[in-house]
Amino acid sequence: MVYGLSMNFDRVDEKTAALDTHRPLGPSLAENLHAWFRMEMTYTSNASMNNKT
């Protein structure tokens, strides 16, 4: 438990197992995933920084 929050990693484990069935990822898929995560994390970071209400 971290700061009073309990974490359940069962869903993360399920998603990791599903991803593992597709390994090794092809170069184009790996590049697309990298681009998507980069865009998504940038958007999320900017949204949280601009949401100072």
PDB file of N, CA and C in Angstrom:
ATOM      1  N   MET A   1       0.855  -1.174   0.000  1.00  0.00           N
ATOM      2  CA  MET A   1       0.000   0.000   0.000  1.00  0.00           C
ATOM      3  C   MET A   1       0.900   1.236   0.000  1.00  0.00           C
ATOM      4  N   VAL A   2       0.596   2.169  -0.884  1.00  0.00           N
ATOM      5  CA  VAL A   2       1.360   3.395  -1.006  1.00  0.00           C
ATOM      6  C   VAL A   2       0.438   4.570  -0.718  1.00  0.00           C
ATOM      7  N   TYR A   3       0.763   5.349   0.271  1.00  0.00           N
ATOM      8  CA  TYR A   3      -0.022   6.531   0.638  1.00  0.00           C
ATOM      9  C   TYR A   3      -1.502   6.208   0.807  1.00  0.00           C
ATOM     10  N   GLY A   4      -1.804   5.072   1.406  1.00  0.00           N
ATOM     11  CA  GLY A   4      -3.182   4.700   1.667  1.00  0.00           C
ATOM     12  C   GLY A   4      -3.912   4.136   0.463  1.00  0.00           C
ATOM     13  N   LEU A   5      -3.228   3.947  -0.636  1.00  0.00           N
ATOM     14  CA  LEU A   5      -3.856   3.398  -1.835  1.00  0.00           C
ATOM     15  C   LEU A   5      -3.410   1.954  -2.020  1.00  0.00           C
ATOM     16  N   SER A   6      -4.346   1.076  -2.217  1.00  0.00           N
ATOM     17  CA  SER A   6      -3.971  -0.296  -2.532  1.00  0.00           C
ATOM     18  C   SER A   6      -3.975  -0.449  -4.045  1.00  0.00           C
ATOM     19  N   MET A   7      -3.055  -1.232  -4.556  1.00  0.00           N
ATOM     20  CA  MET A   7      -2.939  -1.384  -5.994  1.00  0.00           C
ATOM     21  C   MET A   7      -3.151  -2.846  -6.358  1.00  0.00           C
ATOM     22  N   ASN A   8      -3.958  -3.061  -7.377  1.00  0.00           N
ATOM     23  CA  ASN A   8      -4.216  -4.396  -7.874  1.00  0.00           C
ATOM     24  C   ASN A   8      -3.613  -4.479  -9.276  1.00  0.00           C
ATOM     25  N   PHE A   9      -2.612  -5.323  -9.425  1.00  0.00           N
ATOM     26  CA  PHE A   9      -1.906  -5.412 -10.689  1.00  0.00           C
ATOM     27  C   PHE A   9      -2.426  -6.543 -11.571  1.00  0.00           C
ATOM     28  N   ASP A  10      -3.558  -7.130 -11.213  1.00  0.00           N
ATOM     29  CA  ASP A  10      -4.103  -8.226 -12.005  1.00  0.00           C
ATOM     30  C   ASP A  10      -4.372  -7.795 -13.447  1.00  0.00           C
ATOM     31  N   ARG A  11      -4.963  -6.632 -13.629  1.00  0.00           N
ATOM     32  CA  ARG A  11      -5.272  -6.153 -14.994  1.00  0.00           C
ATOM     33  C   ARG A  11      -3.992  -5.884 -15.774  1.00  0.00           C
ATOM     34  N   VAL A  12      -2.989  -5.329 -15.123  1.00  0.00           N
ATOM     35  CA  VAL A  12      -1.705  -5.090 -15.774  1.00  0.00           C
ATOM     36  C   VAL A  12      -1.091  -6.419 -16.194  1.00  0.00           C
ATOM     37  N   ASP A  13      -1.151  -7.408 -15.314  1.00  0.00           N
ATOM     38  CA  ASP A  13      -0.619  -8.730 -15.638  1.00  0.00           C
ATOM     39  C   ASP A  13      -1.350  -9.349 -16.825  1.00  0.00           C
ATOM     40  N   GLU A  14      -2.676  -9.186 -16.889  1.00  0.00           N
ATOM     41  CA  GLU A  14      -3.453  -9.711 -18.013  1.00  0.00           C
ATOM     42  C   GLU A  14      -3.041  -9.053 -19.323  1.00  0.00           C
ATOM     43  N   LYS A  15      -2.890  -7.736 -19.296  1.00  0.00           N
ATOM     44  CA  LYS A  15      -2.505  -7.015 -20.510  1.00  0.00           C
ATOM     45  C   LYS A  15      -1.080  -7.367 -20.935  1.00  0.00           C
ATOM     46  N   THR A  16      -0.190  -7.548 -19.978  1.00  0.00           N
ATOM     47  CA  THR A  16       1.184  -7.937 -20.294  1.00  0.00           C
ATOM     48  C   THR A  16       1.205  -9.320 -20.933  1.00  0.00           C
ATOM     49  N   ALA A  17       0.410 -10.236 -20.398  1.00  0.00           N
ATOM     50  CA  ALA A  17       0.345 -11.582 -20.961  1.00  0.00           C
ATOM     51  C   ALA A  17      -0.203 -11.548 -22.384  1.00  0.00           C
ATOM     52  N   ALA A  18      -1.221 -10.717 -22.621  1.00  0.00           N
ATOM     53  CA  ALA A  18      -1.779 -10.595 -23.972  1.00  0.00           C
ATOM     54  C   ALA A  18      -0.739 -10.030 -24.939  1.00  0.00           C
ATOM     55  N   LEU A  19       0.004  -9.032 -24.507  1.00  0.00           N
ATOM     56  CA  LEU A  19       1.045  -8.452 -25.347  1.00  0.00           C
ATOM     57  C   LEU A  19       2.157  -9.461 -25.609  1.00  0.00           C
ATOM     58  N   ASP A  20       2.513 -10.235 -24.605  1.00  0.00           N
ATOM     59  CA  ASP A  20       3.575 -11.227 -24.749  1.00  0.00           C
ATOM     60  C   ASP A  20       3.259 -12.279 -25.809  1.00  0.00           C
ATOM     61  N   THR A  21       1.965 -12.544 -26.055  1.00  0.00           N
ATOM     62  CA  THR A  21       1.611 -13.528 -27.082  1.00  0.00           C
ATOM     63  C   THR A  21       1.958 -13.040 -28.479  1.00  0.00           C
ATOM     64  N   HIS A  22       2.193 -11.736 -28.641  1.00  0.00           N
ATOM     65  CA  HIS A  22       2.503 -11.155 -29.951  1.00  0.00           C
ATOM     66  C   HIS A  22       3.985 -10.843 -30.131  1.00  0.00           C
ATOM     67  N   ARG A  23       4.788 -11.205 -29.141  1.00  0.00           N
ATOM     68  CA  ARG A  23       6.218 -10.917 -29.238  1.00  0.00           C
ATOM     69  C   ARG A  23       6.909 -11.938 -30.111  1.00  0.00           C
ATOM     70  N   PRO A  24       7.971 -11.598 -30.794  1.00  0.00           N
ATOM     71  CA  PRO A  24       8.539 -10.260 -30.871  1.00  0.00           C
ATOM     72  C   PRO A  24       7.712  -9.375 -31.808  1.00  0.00           C
ATOM     73  N   LEU A  25       7.594  -8.128 -31.437  1.00  0.00           N
ATOM     74  CA  LEU A  25       6.849  -7.179 -32.248  1.00  0.00           C
ATOM     75  C   LEU A  25       7.665  -6.821 -33.486  1.00  0.00           C
ATOM     76  N   GLY A  26       6.970  -6.654 -34.586  1.00  0.00           N
ATOM     77  CA  GLY A  26       7.641  -6.222 -35.803  1.00  0.00           C
ATOM     78  C   GLY A  26       8.113  -4.789 -35.649  1.00  0.00           C
ATOM     79  N   PRO A  27       9.100  -4.392 -36.451  1.00  0.00           N
ATOM     80  CA  PRO A  27       9.639  -3.030 -36.339  1.00  0.00           C
ATOM     81  C   PRO A  27       8.594  -1.936 -36.544  1.00  0.00           C
ATOM     82  N   SER A  28       7.695  -2.106 -37.503  1.00  0.00           N
ATOM     83  CA  SER A  28       6.702  -1.058 -37.756  1.00  0.00           C
ATOM     84  C   SER A  28       5.694  -0.966 -36.613  1.00  0.00           C
ATOM     85  N   LEU A  29       5.306  -2.106 -36.046  1.00  0.00           N
ATOM     86  CA  LEU A  29       4.374  -2.086 -34.915  1.00  0.00           C
ATOM     87  C   LEU A  29       5.024  -1.462 -33.693  1.00  0.00           C
ATOM     88  N   ALA A  30       6.268  -1.823 -33.430  1.00  0.00           N
ATOM     89  CA  ALA A  30       6.981  -1.239 -32.293  1.00  0.00           C
ATOM     90  C   ALA A  30       7.108   0.275 -32.468  1.00  0.00           C
ATOM     91  N   GLU A  31       7.377   0.724 -33.680  1.00  0.00           N
ATOM     92  CA  GLU A  31       7.500   2.166 -33.934  1.00  0.00           C
ATOM     93  C   GLU A  31       6.154   2.866 -33.763  1.00  0.00           C
ATOM     94  N   ASN A  32       5.074   2.234 -34.242  1.00  0.00           N
ATOM     95  CA  ASN A  32       3.738   2.825 -34.066  1.00  0.00           C
ATOM     96  C   ASN A  32       3.362   2.917 -32.599  1.00  0.00           C
ATOM     97  N   LEU A  33       3.647   1.864 -31.821  1.00  0.00           N
ATOM     98  CA  LEU A  33       3.356   1.902 -30.385  1.00  0.00           C
ATOM     99  C   LEU A  33       4.154   2.991 -29.686  1.00  0.00           C
ATOM    100  N   HIS A  34       5.421   3.113 -30.045  1.00  0.00           N
ATOM    101  CA  HIS A  34       6.263   4.153 -29.450  1.00  0.00           C
ATOM    102  C   HIS A  34       5.695   5.538 -29.757  1.00  0.00           C
ATOM    103  N   ALA A  35       5.315   5.770 -31.006  1.00  0.00           N
ATOM    104  CA  ALA A  35       4.760   7.076 -31.393  1.00  0.00           C
ATOM    105  C   ALA A  35       3.452   7.351 -30.658  1.00  0.00           C
ATOM    106  N   TRP A  36       2.601   6.324 -30.529  1.00  0.00           N
ATOM    107  CA  TRP A  36       1.322   6.516 -29.854  1.00  0.00           C
ATOM    108  C   TRP A  36       1.529   6.861 -28.381  1.00  0.00           C
ATOM    109  N   PHE A  37       2.396   6.092 -27.701  1.00  0.00           N
ATOM    110  CA  PHE A  37       2.643   6.367 -26.288  1.00  0.00           C
ATOM    111  C   PHE A  37       3.262   7.741 -26.093  1.00  0.00           C
ATOM    112  N   ARG A  38       4.163   8.138 -26.963  1.00  0.00           N
ATOM    113  CA  ARG A  38       4.787   9.454 -26.854  1.00  0.00           C
ATOM    114  C   ARG A  38       3.743  10.560 -26.989  1.00  0.00           C
ATOM    115  N   MET A  39       2.859  10.430 -27.978  1.00  0.00           N
ATOM    116  CA  MET A  39       1.811  11.420 -28.173  1.00  0.00           C
ATOM    117  C   MET A  39       0.848  11.419 -26.999  1.00  0.00           C
ATOM    118  N   GLU A  40       0.440  10.236 -26.554  1.00  0.00           N
ATOM    119  CA  GLU A  40      -0.526  10.131 -25.458  1.00  0.00           C
ATOM    120  C   GLU A  40       0.048  10.698 -24.160  1.00  0.00           C
ATOM    121  N   MET A  41       1.278  10.388 -23.843  1.00  0.00           N
ATOM    122  CA  MET A  41       1.887  10.882 -22.615  1.00  0.00           C
ATOM    123  C   MET A  41       2.123  12.390 -22.684  1.00  0.00           C
ATOM    124  N   THR A  42       2.462  12.911 -23.860  1.00  0.00           N
ATOM    125  CA  THR A  42       2.619  14.358 -24.019  1.00  0.00           C
ATOM    126  C   THR A  42       1.284  15.054 -23.795  1.00  0.00           C
ATOM    127  N   TYR A  43       0.220  14.523 -24.394  1.00  0.00           N
ATOM    128  CA  TYR A  43      -1.109  15.103 -24.236  1.00  0.00           C
ATOM    129  C   TYR A  43      -1.528  15.087 -22.767  1.00  0.00           C
ATOM    130  N   THR A  44      -1.359  13.945 -22.111  1.00  0.00           N
ATOM    131  CA  THR A  44      -1.745  13.805 -20.711  1.00  0.00           C
ATOM    132  C   THR A  44      -0.942  14.744 -19.819  1.00  0.00           C
ATOM    133  N   SER A  45       0.347  14.842 -20.088  1.00  0.00           N
ATOM    134  CA  SER A  45       1.210  15.722 -19.304  1.00  0.00           C
ATOM    135  C   SER A  45       0.785  17.177 -19.478  1.00  0.00           C
ATOM    136  N   ASN A  46       0.556  17.573 -20.709  1.00  0.00           N
ATOM    137  CA  ASN A  46       0.139  18.959 -20.971  1.00  0.00           C
ATOM    138  C   ASN A  46      -1.214  19.247 -20.353  1.00  0.00           C
ATOM    139  N   ALA A  47      -2.133  18.296 -20.431  1.00  0.00           N
ATOM    140  CA  ALA A  47      -3.474  18.487 -19.860  1.00  0.00           C
ATOM    141  C   ALA A  47      -3.380  18.667 -18.348  1.00  0.00           C
ATOM    142  N   SER A  48      -2.552  17.861 -17.699  1.00  0.00           N
ATOM    143  CA  SER A  48      -2.463  17.978 -16.241  1.00  0.00           C
ATOM    144  C   SER A  48      -1.758  19.265 -15.836  1.00  0.00           C
ATOM    145  N   MET A  49      -0.810  19.715 -16.613  1.00  0.00           N
ATOM    146  CA  MET A  49      -0.100  20.961 -16.301  1.00  0.00           C
ATOM    147  C   MET A  49      -1.002  22.182 -16.492  1.00  0.00           C
ATOM    148  N   ASN A  50      -1.913  22.107 -17.472  1.00  0.00           N
ATOM    149  CA  ASN A  50      -2.797  23.238 -17.769  1.00  0.00           C
ATOM    150  C   ASN A  50      -4.077  23.225 -16.950  1.00  0.00           C
ATOM    151  N   ASN A  51      -4.321  22.178 -16.187  1.00  0.00           N
ATOM    152  CA  ASN A  51      -5.546  22.051 -15.414  1.00  0.00           C
ATOM    153  C   ASN A  51      -5.285  22.462 -13.966  1.00  0.00           C
ATOM    154  N   LYS A  52      -5.035  23.725 -13.774  1.00  0.00           N
ATOM    155  CA  LYS A  52      -4.766  24.238 -12.425  1.00  0.00           C
ATOM    156  C   LYS A  52      -5.947  25.073 -11.953  1.00  0.00           C
ATOM    157  N   THR A  53      -7.041  24.378 -11.663  1.00  0.00           N
ATOM    158  CA  THR A  53      -8.237  25.102 -11.241  1.00  0.00           C
ATOM    159  C   THR A  53      -8.351  25.166  -9.751  1.00  0.00           C
TER     160      THR A  53
END
